[in-house]
Amino acid sequence: MKTMSRLLLMLCICFSSFAVAAAEITPHKYTDAERQNGGPKYEIPSSSRFTTKRIGADSPDIVYYFSKPSRDKFPIAILVGGSSLEDDITSIIHFHRYFLKEFLDLGVGVITIEQQGVDGNQVNKTEFMEHYTRSNRLIDHRTVIEHLKNHPPKGWNGKLIFLGVSEGGPIVTTLTTDYSSDALATINWSGAGDWSWRDELWIFMQDMIKNTPWYIKLRAQLPSWMPYSLDLYFPKSRPDHDQAMDETIKNPSAHLKLAGMTYKYHHDALIVYPNPEYDKIKTPYLIVAGVKDSIIDSSDAFVRKAKEVGAPVTYMRISDMDHYVRKKDDVINDSFAWLKKQLEN
């Protein structure tokens, strides 16, 4: 009887250990094929999913995910992903999993935050598009950070690391200056720009037109009366582009679209979202930009202005890279090697 009891106890312990391990978010580097087919599919462990109140009486709770490293004391990295189109809205969990191993190997916890309208595999496109702006993303990240500070996870040392890519770049820049006393370091991949959204979108569209033959052909077939509120946007001149931008300011609607984004999104990016405050960047800040990216001149201007006021920026200007850091394993490895040095210091 004692032998049987002991065996049952050991089985329970083993099962319990397995259950805890299985409840952790697992690292996974998704492929382009998986993304093109609407994947990868993943059931998020309930023990890694958390919520906190979103600002606004009628707003649903913010959903966020937390992965804890094995060490007793650790900083937390806040990861902020890029932009979304209405027909390509996915959970932030895939971004979380993609870089999870690199952070856990450094003994760093990871948090990612869903946007309103997304909860894992459940996506409400209408709700998402009605609330999708840079400012709303920033507010949600600030809200979660304040929640963490008021209810710190066991083992968190109170320090933050920020990583942003593309649209997440401006957000981590603002968070870096918001929480300069708590920040350890920031990595900004293809998202550090000094130019206005008006100028960056214009140069992006010109780059697309120049490098996409079918785009040029289709644009030529559009009648002159075609309204600018279409998802497909073909500015024939800079005054046309400026007029379209001005229309979004006049009518910040979530139901009209331009270049795949709502007028509300453009209005926010043009006149609401704050500009970089270079003099408030006080902690190590890595900027990664591709020379083949349409916004490379905007990134150069960001670095120049940051250095002029003494901000501790490091610039990796990659000659053979476009906008997509994910395609460059060497750049990712170099970025985490840089972060490791900052943690050692």
C-alpha atoms as a PDB file:
ATOM      1  CA  MET A   1       0.000   0.000   0.000  1.00  0.00           C
ATOM      2  CA  LYS A   2       2.813   2.395   0.881  1.00  0.00           C
ATOM      3  CA  THR A   3       4.588   1.567  -2.386  1.00  0.00           C
ATOM      4  CA  MET A   4       1.404   2.227  -4.349  1.00  0.00           C
ATOM      5  CA  SER A   5       0.812   5.514  -2.525  1.00  0.00           C
ATOM      6  CA  ARG A   6       4.373   6.596  -3.146  1.00  0.00           C
ATOM      7  CA  LEU A   7       4.019   5.771  -6.849  1.00  0.00           C
ATOM      8  CA  LEU A   8       0.774   7.736  -7.095  1.00  0.00           C
ATOM      9  CA  LEU A   9       2.419  10.697  -5.376  1.00  0.00           C
ATOM     10  CA  MET A  10       5.317  10.640  -7.834  1.00  0.00           C
ATOM     11  CA  LEU A  11       2.908  10.476 -10.767  1.00  0.00           C
ATOM     12  CA  CYS A  12       0.992  13.445  -9.404  1.00  0.00           C
ATOM     13  CA  ILE A  13       4.188  15.462  -9.027  1.00  0.00           C
ATOM     14  CA  CYS A  14       5.291  14.595 -12.554  1.00  0.00           C
ATOM     15  CA  PHE A  15       1.870  15.441 -13.980  1.00  0.00           C
ATOM     16  CA  SER A  16       1.805  18.702 -12.044  1.00  0.00           C
ATOM     17  CA  SER A  17       5.255  19.657 -13.358  1.00  0.00           C
ATOM     18  CA  PHE A  18       4.177  18.819 -16.902  1.00  0.00           C
ATOM     19  CA  ALA A  19       1.016  20.889 -16.548  1.00  0.00           C
ATOM     20  CA  VAL A  20       3.006  23.926 -15.392  1.00  0.00           C
ATOM     21  CA  ALA A  21       5.448  23.559 -18.281  1.00  0.00           C
ATOM     22  CA  ALA A  22       2.640  23.117 -20.790  1.00  0.00           C
ATOM     23  CA  ALA A  23       0.999  26.301 -19.529  1.00  0.00           C
ATOM     24  CA  GLU A  24       3.894  28.505 -20.684  1.00  0.00           C
ATOM     25  CA  ILE A  25       3.798  30.346 -24.000  1.00  0.00           C
ATOM     26  CA  THR A  26       6.135  28.535 -26.389  1.00  0.00           C
ATOM     27  CA  PRO A  27       8.594  30.280 -28.734  1.00  0.00           C
ATOM     28  CA  HIS A  28       7.875  29.942 -32.452  1.00  0.00           C
ATOM     29  CA  LYS A  29       9.247  31.765 -35.489  1.00  0.00           C
ATOM     30  CA  TYR A  30       6.358  31.775 -37.925  1.00  0.00           C
ATOM     31  CA  THR A  31       7.022  31.523 -41.651  1.00  0.00           C
ATOM     32  CA  ASP A  32       5.689  33.700 -44.455  1.00  0.00           C
ATOM     33  CA  ALA A  33       3.649  30.709 -45.644  1.00  0.00           C
ATOM     34  CA  GLU A  34       1.994  30.411 -42.229  1.00  0.00           C
ATOM     35  CA  ARG A  35       1.110  34.101 -42.205  1.00  0.00           C
ATOM     36  CA  GLN A  36      -0.255  34.007 -45.756  1.00  0.00           C
ATOM     37  CA  ASN A  37      -2.535  31.145 -44.764  1.00  0.00           C
ATOM     38  CA  GLY A  38      -3.936  32.990 -41.745  1.00  0.00           C
ATOM     39  CA  GLY A  39      -1.691  31.283 -39.224  1.00  0.00           C
ATOM     40  CA  PRO A  40      -0.036  30.074 -37.284  1.00  0.00           C
ATOM     41  CA  LYS A  41      -2.887  28.775 -35.178  1.00  0.00           C
ATOM     42  CA  TYR A  42      -2.092  28.743 -31.473  1.00  0.00           C
ATOM     43  CA  GLU A  43      -4.071  28.191 -28.310  1.00  0.00           C
ATOM     44  CA  ILE A  44      -2.779  30.708 -25.771  1.00  0.00           C
ATOM     45  CA  PRO A  45      -2.302  29.222 -22.272  1.00  0.00           C
ATOM     46  CA  SER A  46      -4.847  30.758 -19.927  1.00  0.00           C
ATOM     47  CA  SER A  47      -2.178  31.090 -17.230  1.00  0.00           C
ATOM     48  CA  SER A  48      -0.233  33.485 -19.505  1.00  0.00           C
ATOM     49  CA  ARG A  49      -3.229  35.658 -20.389  1.00  0.00           C
ATOM     50  CA  PHE A  50      -4.033  38.661 -18.189  1.00  0.00           C
ATOM     51  CA  THR A  51      -6.429  41.606 -18.280  1.00  0.00           C
ATOM     52  CA  THR A  52      -6.691  45.082 -16.836  1.00  0.00           C
ATOM     53  CA  LYS A  53      -9.249  47.855 -17.168  1.00  0.00           C
ATOM     54  CA  ARG A  54      -9.062  49.991 -20.299  1.00  0.00           C
ATOM     55  CA  ILE A  55      -9.604  53.730 -19.980  1.00  0.00           C
ATOM     56  CA  GLY A  56     -13.223  54.459 -20.890  1.00  0.00           C
ATOM     57  CA  ALA A  57     -16.324  53.428 -18.981  1.00  0.00           C
ATOM     58  CA  ASP A  58     -17.759  51.251 -21.767  1.00  0.00           C
ATOM     59  CA  SER A  59     -14.482  49.895 -23.106  1.00  0.00           C
ATOM     60  CA  PRO A  60     -13.600  46.203 -22.806  1.00  0.00           C
ATOM     61  CA  ASP A  61     -10.624  45.145 -20.698  1.00  0.00           C
ATOM     62  CA  ILE A  62      -7.116  45.209 -22.153  1.00  0.00           C
ATOM     63  CA  VAL A  63      -5.788  41.712 -22.837  1.00  0.00           C
ATOM     64  CA  TYR A  64      -2.060  41.145 -22.447  1.00  0.00           C
ATOM     65  CA  TYR A  65       0.335  38.200 -22.328  1.00  0.00           C
ATOM     66  CA  PHE A  66       3.208  37.633 -19.925  1.00  0.00           C
ATOM     67  CA  SER A  67       6.102  35.189 -20.159  1.00  0.00           C
ATOM     68  CA  LYS A  68       8.328  34.864 -17.118  1.00  0.00           C
ATOM     69  CA  PRO A  69      12.014  33.849 -17.285  1.00  0.00           C
ATOM     70  CA  SER A  70      13.516  31.191 -15.040  1.00  0.00           C
ATOM     71  CA  ARG A  71      15.574  33.560 -12.870  1.00  0.00           C
ATOM     72  CA  ASP A  72      14.281  35.020  -9.591  1.00  0.00           C
ATOM     73  CA  LYS A  73      14.825  38.706 -10.415  1.00  0.00           C
ATOM     74  CA  PHE A  74      14.276  40.032 -13.911  1.00  0.00           C
ATOM     75  CA  PRO A  75      13.331  43.072 -16.009  1.00  0.00           C
ATOM     76  CA  ILE A  76      10.328  42.978 -18.343  1.00  0.00           C
ATOM     77  CA  ALA A  77      10.459  43.725 -22.068  1.00  0.00           C
ATOM     78  CA  ILE A  78       7.413  45.399 -23.592  1.00  0.00           C
ATOM     79  CA  LEU A  79       7.167  44.345 -27.247  1.00  0.00           C
ATOM     80  CA  VAL A  80       5.170  46.551 -29.636  1.00  0.00           C
ATOM     81  CA  GLY A  81       4.389  45.209 -33.102  1.00  0.00           C
ATOM     82  CA  GLY A  82       3.790  46.934 -36.408  1.00  0.00           C
ATOM     83  CA  SER A  83       0.733  48.179 -38.266  1.00  0.00           C
ATOM     84  CA  SER A  84      -2.347  46.238 -39.374  1.00  0.00           C
ATOM     85  CA  LEU A  85      -4.658  46.260 -42.376  1.00  0.00           C
ATOM     86  CA  GLU A  86      -8.330  45.367 -42.124  1.00  0.00           C
ATOM     87  CA  ASP A  87      -7.855  42.107 -44.005  1.00  0.00           C
ATOM     88  CA  ASP A  88      -4.762  41.136 -42.042  1.00  0.00           C
ATOM     89  CA  ILE A  89      -5.548  41.547 -38.343  1.00  0.00           C
ATOM     90  CA  THR A  90      -3.864  38.965 -36.129  1.00  0.00           C
ATOM     91  CA  SER A  91      -3.072  38.457 -32.481  1.00  0.00           C
ATOM     92  CA  ILE A  92       0.070  39.996 -31.002  1.00  0.00           C
ATOM     93  CA  ILE A  93       0.857  36.526 -29.614  1.00  0.00           C
ATOM     94  CA  HIS A  94       2.694  35.646 -32.844  1.00  0.00           C
ATOM     95  CA  PHE A  95       5.047  38.606 -32.384  1.00  0.00           C
ATOM     96  CA  HIS A  96       5.404  37.605 -28.707  1.00  0.00           C
ATOM     97  CA  ARG A  97       6.416  34.058 -29.622  1.00  0.00           C
ATOM     98  CA  TYR A  98       8.728  35.096 -32.451  1.00  0.00           C
ATOM     99  CA  PHE A  99      11.246  36.843 -30.174  1.00  0.00           C
ATOM    100  CA  LEU A 100      10.435  35.064 -26.918  1.00  0.00           C
ATOM    101  CA  LYS A 101      13.462  32.758 -26.851  1.00  0.00           C
ATOM    102  CA  GLU A 102      15.945  35.609 -27.319  1.00  0.00           C
ATOM    103  CA  PHE A 103      14.551  37.459 -24.298  1.00  0.00           C
ATOM    104  CA  LEU A 104      14.216  34.385 -22.084  1.00  0.00           C
ATOM    105  CA  ASP A 105      17.826  33.465 -22.880  1.00  0.00           C
ATOM    106  CA  LEU A 106      18.799  36.873 -21.461  1.00  0.00           C
ATOM    107  CA  GLY A 107      16.680  36.327 -18.350  1.00  0.00           C
ATOM    108  CA  VAL A 108      14.095  38.912 -19.411  1.00  0.00           C
ATOM    109  CA  GLY A 109      10.319  38.603 -19.090  1.00  0.00           C
ATOM    110  CA  VAL A 110       8.107  39.479 -22.058  1.00  0.00           C
ATOM    111  CA  ILE A 111       4.774  41.294 -22.253  1.00  0.00           C
ATOM    112  CA  THR A 112       2.701  41.981 -25.359  1.00  0.00           C
ATOM    113  CA  ILE A 113      -0.647  43.784 -25.506  1.00  0.00           C
ATOM    114  CA  GLU A 114      -3.599  43.021 -27.756  1.00  0.00           C
ATOM    115  CA  GLN A 115      -5.348  45.885 -29.508  1.00  0.00           C
ATOM    116  CA  GLN A 116      -9.046  46.452 -28.915  1.00  0.00           C
ATOM    117  CA  GLY A 117     -11.073  43.989 -30.956  1.00  0.00           C
ATOM    118  CA  VAL A 118      -8.549  41.152 -30.700  1.00  0.00           C
ATOM    119  CA  ASP A 119      -8.382  38.412 -28.080  1.00  0.00           C
ATOM    120  CA  GLY A 120      -6.189  35.572 -29.249  1.00  0.00           C
ATOM    121  CA  ASN A 121      -7.868  33.800 -32.166  1.00  0.00           C
ATOM    122  CA  GLN A 122     -10.993  35.955 -31.809  1.00  0.00           C
ATOM    123  CA  VAL A 123     -10.928  39.035 -34.050  1.00  0.00           C
ATOM    124  CA  ASN A 124     -13.693  41.626 -34.359  1.00  0.00           C
ATOM    125  CA  LYS A 125     -12.629  43.625 -37.430  1.00  0.00           C
ATOM    126  CA  THR A 126     -15.204  46.358 -36.964  1.00  0.00           C
ATOM    127  CA  GLU A 127     -14.275  47.009 -33.346  1.00  0.00           C
ATOM    128  CA  PHE A 128     -10.580  46.892 -34.219  1.00  0.00           C
ATOM    129  CA  MET A 129     -10.808  49.425 -37.057  1.00  0.00           C
ATOM    130  CA  GLU A 130     -13.026  51.789 -35.058  1.00  0.00           C
ATOM    131  CA  HIS A 131     -10.373  52.064 -32.328  1.00  0.00           C
ATOM    132  CA  TYR A 132      -7.161  51.590 -34.295  1.00  0.00           C
ATOM    133  CA  THR A 133      -4.900  54.619 -33.815  1.00  0.00           C
ATOM    134  CA  ARG A 134      -1.351  55.072 -32.593  1.00  0.00           C
ATOM    135  CA  SER A 135      -2.592  57.091 -29.634  1.00  0.00           C
ATOM    136  CA  ASN A 136      -4.965  54.335 -28.510  1.00  0.00           C
ATOM    137  CA  ARG A 137      -2.120  51.832 -28.699  1.00  0.00           C
ATOM    138  CA  LEU A 138       0.060  54.173 -26.625  1.00  0.00           C
ATOM    139  CA  ILE A 139      -2.669  54.672 -24.013  1.00  0.00           C
ATOM    140  CA  ASP A 140      -3.182  50.917 -23.661  1.00  0.00           C
ATOM    141  CA  HIS A 141       0.555  50.363 -23.151  1.00  0.00           C
ATOM    142  CA  ARG A 142       0.733  53.112 -20.561  1.00  0.00           C
ATOM    143  CA  THR A 143      -2.281  51.580 -18.791  1.00  0.00           C
ATOM    144  CA  VAL A 144      -0.687  48.131 -18.614  1.00  0.00           C
ATOM    145  CA  ILE A 145       2.619  49.548 -17.367  1.00  0.00           C
ATOM    146  CA  GLU A 146       0.837  51.469 -14.611  1.00  0.00           C
ATOM    147  CA  HIS A 147      -1.044  48.282 -13.730  1.00  0.00           C
ATOM    148  CA  LEU A 148       2.277  46.420 -13.474  1.00  0.00           C
ATOM    149  CA  LYS A 149       3.750  49.105 -11.257  1.00  0.00           C
ATOM    150  CA  ASN A 150       0.736  48.925  -8.936  1.00  0.00           C
ATOM    151  CA  HIS A 151       0.577  45.108  -9.013  1.00  0.00           C
ATOM    152  CA  PRO A 152       4.137  43.975  -9.749  1.00  0.00           C
ATOM    153  CA  PRO A 153       4.585  40.359 -10.877  1.00  0.00           C
ATOM    154  CA  LYS A 154       6.647  38.251  -8.500  1.00  0.00           C
ATOM    155  CA  GLY A 155      10.329  38.564  -9.390  1.00  0.00           C
ATOM    156  CA  TRP A 156      10.053  41.727 -11.482  1.00  0.00           C
ATOM    157  CA  ASN A 157      12.802  44.158 -10.524  1.00  0.00           C
ATOM    158  CA  GLY A 158      10.802  47.192 -11.668  1.00  0.00           C
ATOM    159  CA  LYS A 159      12.889  47.791 -14.803  1.00  0.00           C
ATOM    160  CA  LEU A 160      11.600  47.911 -18.376  1.00  0.00           C
ATOM    161  CA  ILE A 161      13.008  47.200 -21.813  1.00  0.00           C
ATOM    162  CA  PHE A 162      11.178  48.372 -24.925  1.00  0.00           C
ATOM    163  CA  LEU A 163      11.231  46.794 -28.367  1.00  0.00           C
ATOM    164  CA  GLY A 164       9.208  48.233 -31.232  1.00  0.00           C
ATOM    165  CA  VAL A 165       9.060  47.461 -34.924  1.00  0.00           C
ATOM    166  CA  SER A 166       7.684  49.726 -37.673  1.00  0.00           C
ATOM    167  CA  GLU A 167       4.548  51.402 -36.230  1.00  0.00           C
ATOM    168  CA  GLY A 168       5.654  50.150 -32.823  1.00  0.00           C
ATOM    169  CA  GLY A 169       8.745  52.359 -33.154  1.00  0.00           C
ATOM    170  CA  PRO A 170       7.081  55.690 -32.382  1.00  0.00           C
ATOM    171  CA  ILE A 171       5.233  54.028 -29.504  1.00  0.00           C
ATOM    172  CA  VAL A 172       8.388  52.709 -27.816  1.00  0.00           C
ATOM    173  CA  THR A 173      10.041  56.094 -28.337  1.00  0.00           C
ATOM    174  CA  THR A 174       7.246  57.762 -26.373  1.00  0.00           C
ATOM    175  CA  LEU A 175       7.275  55.036 -23.718  1.00  0.00           C
ATOM    176  CA  THR A 176      11.050  55.438 -23.367  1.00  0.00           C
ATOM    177  CA  THR A 177      10.638  59.117 -22.541  1.00  0.00           C
ATOM    178  CA  ASP A 178       7.552  58.484 -20.394  1.00  0.00           C
ATOM    179  CA  TYR A 179       9.372  55.943 -18.229  1.00  0.00           C
ATOM    180  CA  SER A 180      12.972  57.115 -18.412  1.00  0.00           C
ATOM    181  CA  SER A 181      13.555  56.312 -14.731  1.00  0.00           C
ATOM    182  CA  ASP A 182      12.362  52.724 -15.220  1.00  0.00           C
ATOM    183  CA  ALA A 183      13.833  51.996 -18.660  1.00  0.00           C
ATOM    184  CA  LEU A 184      16.986  49.965 -19.126  1.00  0.00           C
ATOM    185  CA  ALA A 185      17.180  50.030 -22.923  1.00  0.00           C
ATOM    186  CA  THR A 186      15.133  50.397 -26.111  1.00  0.00           C
ATOM    187  CA  ILE A 187      15.392  48.677 -29.493  1.00  0.00           C
ATOM    188  CA  ASN A 188      13.652  50.363 -32.412  1.00  0.00           C
ATOM    189  CA  TRP A 189      13.510  48.322 -35.613  1.00  0.00           C
ATOM    190  CA  SER A 190      12.481  50.240 -38.769  1.00  0.00           C
ATOM    191  CA  GLY A 191      10.375  52.653 -36.748  1.00  0.00           C
ATOM    192  CA  ALA A 192      12.573  55.605 -35.777  1.00  0.00           C
ATOM    193  CA  GLY A 193      11.545  58.550 -37.932  1.00  0.00           C
ATOM    194  CA  ASP A 194      11.718  62.314 -37.565  1.00  0.00           C
ATOM    195  CA  TRP A 195       9.521  63.209 -40.527  1.00  0.00           C
ATOM    196  CA  SER A 196       5.777  63.785 -40.251  1.00  0.00           C
ATOM    197  CA  TRP A 197       3.323  61.021 -41.146  1.00  0.00           C
ATOM    198  CA  ARG A 198       2.317  63.155 -44.142  1.00  0.00           C
ATOM    199  CA  ASP A 199       5.878  63.100 -45.500  1.00  0.00           C
ATOM    200  CA  GLU A 200       6.613  59.472 -44.649  1.00  0.00           C
ATOM    201  CA  LEU A 201       3.422  58.210 -46.302  1.00  0.00           C
ATOM    202  CA  TRP A 202       4.138  60.290 -49.411  1.00  0.00           C
ATOM    203  CA  ILE A 203       7.646  58.886 -49.825  1.00  0.00           C
ATOM    204  CA  PHE A 204       6.372  55.355 -49.085  1.00  0.00           C
ATOM    205  CA  MET A 205       3.748  55.643 -51.840  1.00  0.00           C
ATOM    206  CA  GLN A 206       6.294  57.026 -54.300  1.00  0.00           C
ATOM    207  CA  ASP A 207       8.630  54.147 -53.501  1.00  0.00           C
ATOM    208  CA  MET A 208       5.829  51.630 -54.001  1.00  0.00           C
ATOM    209  CA  ILE A 209       4.787  53.146 -57.313  1.00  0.00           C
ATOM    210  CA  LYS A 210       8.369  53.191 -58.582  1.00  0.00           C
ATOM    211  CA  ASN A 211       9.081  49.590 -57.610  1.00  0.00           C
ATOM    212  CA  THR A 212       5.751  47.957 -58.446  1.00  0.00           C
ATOM    213  CA  PRO A 213       4.975  47.860 -62.200  1.00  0.00           C
ATOM    214  CA  TRP A 214       1.386  46.591 -61.775  1.00  0.00           C
ATOM    215  CA  TYR A 215       0.738  49.489 -59.407  1.00  0.00           C
ATOM    216  CA  ILE A 216       1.782  51.996 -62.082  1.00  0.00           C
ATOM    217  CA  LYS A 217      -0.419  50.307 -64.701  1.00  0.00           C
ATOM    218  CA  LEU A 218      -3.451  50.200 -62.405  1.00  0.00           C
ATOM    219  CA  ARG A 219      -2.986  53.824 -61.348  1.00  0.00           C
ATOM    220  CA  ALA A 220      -2.929  54.920 -65.001  1.00  0.00           C
ATOM    221  CA  GLN A 221      -6.307  53.264 -65.547  1.00  0.00           C
ATOM    222  CA  LEU A 222      -8.029  55.166 -62.736  1.00  0.00           C
ATOM    223  CA  PRO A 223     -10.407  57.929 -63.871  1.00  0.00           C
ATOM    224  CA  SER A 224      -9.582  61.448 -62.708  1.00  0.00           C
ATOM    225  CA  TRP A 225     -12.795  61.663 -60.656  1.00  0.00           C
ATOM    226  CA  MET A 226     -11.883  58.642 -58.507  1.00  0.00           C
ATOM    227  CA  PRO A 227     -12.279  59.696 -54.834  1.00  0.00           C
ATOM    228  CA  TYR A 228      -9.324  59.520 -52.490  1.00  0.00           C
ATOM    229  CA  SER A 229     -11.309  57.669 -49.845  1.00  0.00           C
ATOM    230  CA  LEU A 230     -10.613  54.297 -51.485  1.00  0.00           C
ATOM    231  CA  ASP A 231      -8.458  51.735 -49.735  1.00  0.00           C
ATOM    232  CA  LEU A 232      -6.182  51.763 -52.780  1.00  0.00           C
ATOM    233  CA  TYR A 233      -4.425  55.102 -52.905  1.00  0.00           C
ATOM    234  CA  PHE A 234      -2.706  56.450 -56.013  1.00  0.00           C
ATOM    235  CA  PRO A 235      -1.508  60.043 -55.437  1.00  0.00           C
ATOM    236  CA  LYS A 236      -0.594  61.546 -58.794  1.00  0.00           C
ATOM    237  CA  SER A 237       1.175  64.575 -57.299  1.00  0.00           C
ATOM    238  CA  ARG A 238       2.253  65.976 -53.941  1.00  0.00           C
ATOM    239  CA  PRO A 239      -0.640  68.502 -53.925  1.00  0.00           C
ATOM    240  CA  ASP A 240      -3.058  65.588 -54.466  1.00  0.00           C
ATOM    241  CA  HIS A 241      -1.478  63.770 -51.542  1.00  0.00           C
ATOM    242  CA  ASP A 242      -1.657  66.832 -49.301  1.00  0.00           C
ATOM    243  CA  GLN A 243      -5.296  67.366 -50.220  1.00  0.00           C
ATOM    244  CA  ALA A 244      -6.077  63.759 -49.290  1.00  0.00           C
ATOM    245  CA  MET A 245      -4.273  64.146 -45.973  1.00  0.00           C
ATOM    246  CA  ASP A 246      -6.162  67.361 -45.240  1.00  0.00           C
ATOM    247  CA  GLU A 247      -9.460  65.584 -45.842  1.00  0.00           C
ATOM    248  CA  THR A 248      -8.638  63.053 -43.108  1.00  0.00           C
ATOM    249  CA  ILE A 249      -7.990  65.913 -40.698  1.00  0.00           C
ATOM    250  CA  LYS A 250     -11.311  67.532 -41.511  1.00  0.00           C
ATOM    251  CA  ASN A 251     -13.258  64.291 -41.152  1.00  0.00           C
ATOM    252  CA  PRO A 252     -11.582  61.821 -38.743  1.00  0.00           C
ATOM    253  CA  SER A 253     -14.028  59.036 -39.540  1.00  0.00           C
ATOM    254  CA  ALA A 254     -13.426  55.361 -38.777  1.00  0.00           C
ATOM    255  CA  HIS A 255     -15.597  54.451 -41.781  1.00  0.00           C
ATOM    256  CA  LEU A 256     -13.639  56.207 -44.530  1.00  0.00           C
ATOM    257  CA  LYS A 257     -10.290  54.794 -45.621  1.00  0.00           C
ATOM    258  CA  LEU A 258      -7.194  56.017 -47.367  1.00  0.00           C
ATOM    259  CA  ALA A 259      -4.206  53.799 -48.212  1.00  0.00           C
ATOM    260  CA  GLY A 260      -5.757  50.993 -46.204  1.00  0.00           C
ATOM    261  CA  MET A 261      -6.078  53.052 -43.013  1.00  0.00           C
ATOM    262  CA  THR A 262      -9.091  54.906 -41.661  1.00  0.00           C
ATOM    263  CA  TYR A 263      -9.343  58.682 -41.757  1.00  0.00           C
ATOM    264  CA  LYS A 264      -9.374  58.446 -37.967  1.00  0.00           C
ATOM    265  CA  TYR A 265      -5.994  56.700 -38.017  1.00  0.00           C
ATOM    266  CA  HIS A 266      -4.467  59.307 -40.343  1.00  0.00           C
ATOM    267  CA  HIS A 267      -5.931  62.197 -38.312  1.00  0.00           C
ATOM    268  CA  ASP A 268      -4.335  60.801 -35.176  1.00  0.00           C
ATOM    269  CA  ALA A 269      -0.953  60.170 -36.801  1.00  0.00           C
ATOM    270  CA  LEU A 270      -0.945  63.633 -38.385  1.00  0.00           C
ATOM    271  CA  ILE A 271      -1.930  65.908 -35.507  1.00  0.00           C
ATOM    272  CA  VAL A 272      -2.570  63.966 -32.284  1.00  0.00           C
ATOM    273  CA  TYR A 273       0.303  61.550 -31.720  1.00  0.00           C
ATOM    274  CA  PRO A 274       3.261  63.305 -30.038  1.00  0.00           C
ATOM    275  CA  ASN A 275       6.509  64.058 -31.841  1.00  0.00           C
ATOM    276  CA  PRO A 276       9.767  62.557 -30.511  1.00  0.00           C
ATOM    277  CA  GLU A 277      11.205  64.386 -27.497  1.00  0.00           C
ATOM    278  CA  TYR A 278      14.871  63.725 -28.138  1.00  0.00           C
ATOM    279  CA  ASP A 279      16.141  65.501 -25.036  1.00  0.00           C
ATOM    280  CA  LYS A 280      14.133  63.099 -22.848  1.00  0.00           C
ATOM    281  CA  ILE A 281      15.835  59.956 -24.198  1.00  0.00           C
ATOM    282  CA  LYS A 282      18.124  59.198 -21.246  1.00  0.00           C
ATOM    283  CA  THR A 283      18.745  55.436 -21.573  1.00  0.00           C
ATOM    284  CA  PRO A 284      20.548  53.339 -24.228  1.00  0.00           C
ATOM    285  CA  TYR A 285      18.551  53.388 -27.435  1.00  0.00           C
ATOM    286  CA  LEU A 286      19.313  51.187 -30.470  1.00  0.00           C
ATOM    287  CA  ILE A 287      18.018  52.323 -33.864  1.00  0.00           C
ATOM    288  CA  VAL A 288      18.036  49.830 -36.728  1.00  0.00           C
ATOM    289  CA  ALA A 289      17.161  51.059 -40.226  1.00  0.00           C
ATOM    290  CA  GLY A 290      17.541  49.641 -43.719  1.00  0.00           C
ATOM    291  CA  VAL A 291      19.061  51.770 -46.469  1.00  0.00           C
ATOM    292  CA  LYS A 292      16.523  50.212 -48.871  1.00  0.00           C
ATOM    293  CA  ASP A 293      13.623  51.325 -46.652  1.00  0.00           C
ATOM    294  CA  SER A 294      11.611  54.277 -47.992  1.00  0.00           C
ATOM    295  CA  ILE A 295      11.948  56.099 -44.649  1.00  0.00           C
ATOM    296  CA  ILE A 296      15.750  55.854 -44.375  1.00  0.00           C
ATOM    297  CA  ASP A 297      16.179  59.655 -44.655  1.00  0.00           C
ATOM    298  CA  SER A 298      13.622  60.105 -41.869  1.00  0.00           C
ATOM    299  CA  SER A 299      15.589  57.648 -39.716  1.00  0.00           C
ATOM    300  CA  ASP A 300      18.831  59.502 -40.455  1.00  0.00           C
ATOM    301  CA  ALA A 301      17.164  62.724 -39.309  1.00  0.00           C
ATOM    302  CA  PHE A 302      15.970  61.035 -36.102  1.00  0.00           C
ATOM    303  CA  VAL A 303      19.508  59.912 -35.270  1.00  0.00           C
ATOM    304  CA  ARG A 304      21.011  63.289 -36.107  1.00  0.00           C
ATOM    305  CA  LYS A 305      18.577  65.201 -33.889  1.00  0.00           C
ATOM    306  CA  ALA A 306      18.924  62.705 -31.055  1.00  0.00           C
ATOM    307  CA  LYS A 307      22.704  62.967 -31.091  1.00  0.00           C
ATOM    308  CA  GLU A 308      22.556  66.773 -31.221  1.00  0.00           C
ATOM    309  CA  VAL A 309      20.983  66.806 -27.756  1.00  0.00           C
ATOM    310  CA  GLY A 310      23.236  64.077 -26.375  1.00  0.00           C
ATOM    311  CA  ALA A 311      20.764  61.167 -26.390  1.00  0.00           C
ATOM    312  CA  PRO A 312      22.615  57.826 -25.946  1.00  0.00           C
ATOM    313  CA  VAL A 313      21.655  56.363 -29.331  1.00  0.00           C
ATOM    314  CA  THR A 314      23.375  53.602 -31.281  1.00  0.00           C
ATOM    315  CA  TYR A 315      22.676  53.459 -35.016  1.00  0.00           C
ATOM    316  CA  MET A 316      22.756  50.285 -37.090  1.00  0.00           C
ATOM    317  CA  ARG A 317      22.267  51.468 -40.691  1.00  0.00           C
ATOM    318  CA  ILE A 318      21.998  48.276 -42.748  1.00  0.00           C
ATOM    319  CA  SER A 319      22.962  48.640 -46.416  1.00  0.00           C
ATOM    320  CA  ASP A 320      21.223  45.502 -47.707  1.00  0.00           C
ATOM    321  CA  MET A 321      18.015  45.727 -45.660  1.00  0.00           C
ATOM    322  CA  ASP A 322      14.584  47.117 -46.481  1.00  0.00           C
ATOM    323  CA  HIS A 323      11.781  47.611 -43.938  1.00  0.00           C
ATOM    324  CA  TYR A 324      11.651  44.011 -42.743  1.00  0.00           C
ATOM    325  CA  VAL A 325      14.108  43.236 -39.960  1.00  0.00           C
ATOM    326  CA  ARG A 326      12.561  39.770 -39.571  1.00  0.00           C
ATOM    327  CA  LYS A 327      14.288  38.704 -42.790  1.00  0.00           C
ATOM    328  CA  LYS A 328      17.733  39.525 -41.373  1.00  0.00           C
ATOM    329  CA  ASP A 329      18.855  36.987 -38.781  1.00  0.00           C
ATOM    330  CA  ASP A 330      22.245  38.672 -38.453  1.00  0.00           C
ATOM    331  CA  VAL A 331      20.637  42.008 -37.616  1.00  0.00           C
ATOM    332  CA  ILE A 332      18.385  40.373 -35.020  1.00  0.00           C
ATOM    333  CA  ASN A 333      21.377  38.608 -33.459  1.00  0.00           C
ATOM    334  CA  ASP A 334      23.392  41.840 -33.391  1.00  0.00           C
ATOM    335  CA  SER A 335      20.458  43.658 -31.763  1.00  0.00           C
ATOM    336  CA  PHE A 336      20.225  41.141 -28.942  1.00  0.00           C
ATOM    337  CA  ALA A 337      24.022  41.132 -28.538  1.00  0.00           C
ATOM    338  CA  TRP A 338      23.741  44.912 -28.042  1.00  0.00           C
ATOM    339  CA  LEU A 339      20.953  44.402 -25.495  1.00  0.00           C
ATOM    340  CA  LYS A 340      23.020  41.811 -23.630  1.00  0.00           C
ATOM    341  CA  LYS A 341      25.819  44.376 -23.220  1.00  0.00           C
ATOM    342  CA  GLN A 342      23.388  46.922 -21.815  1.00  0.00           C
ATOM    343  CA  LEU A 343      22.104  44.391 -19.273  1.00  0.00           C
ATOM    344  CA  GLU A 344      25.654  43.479 -18.269  1.00  0.00           C
ATOM    345  CA  ASN A 345      26.457  47.130 -17.719  1.00  0.00           C
END
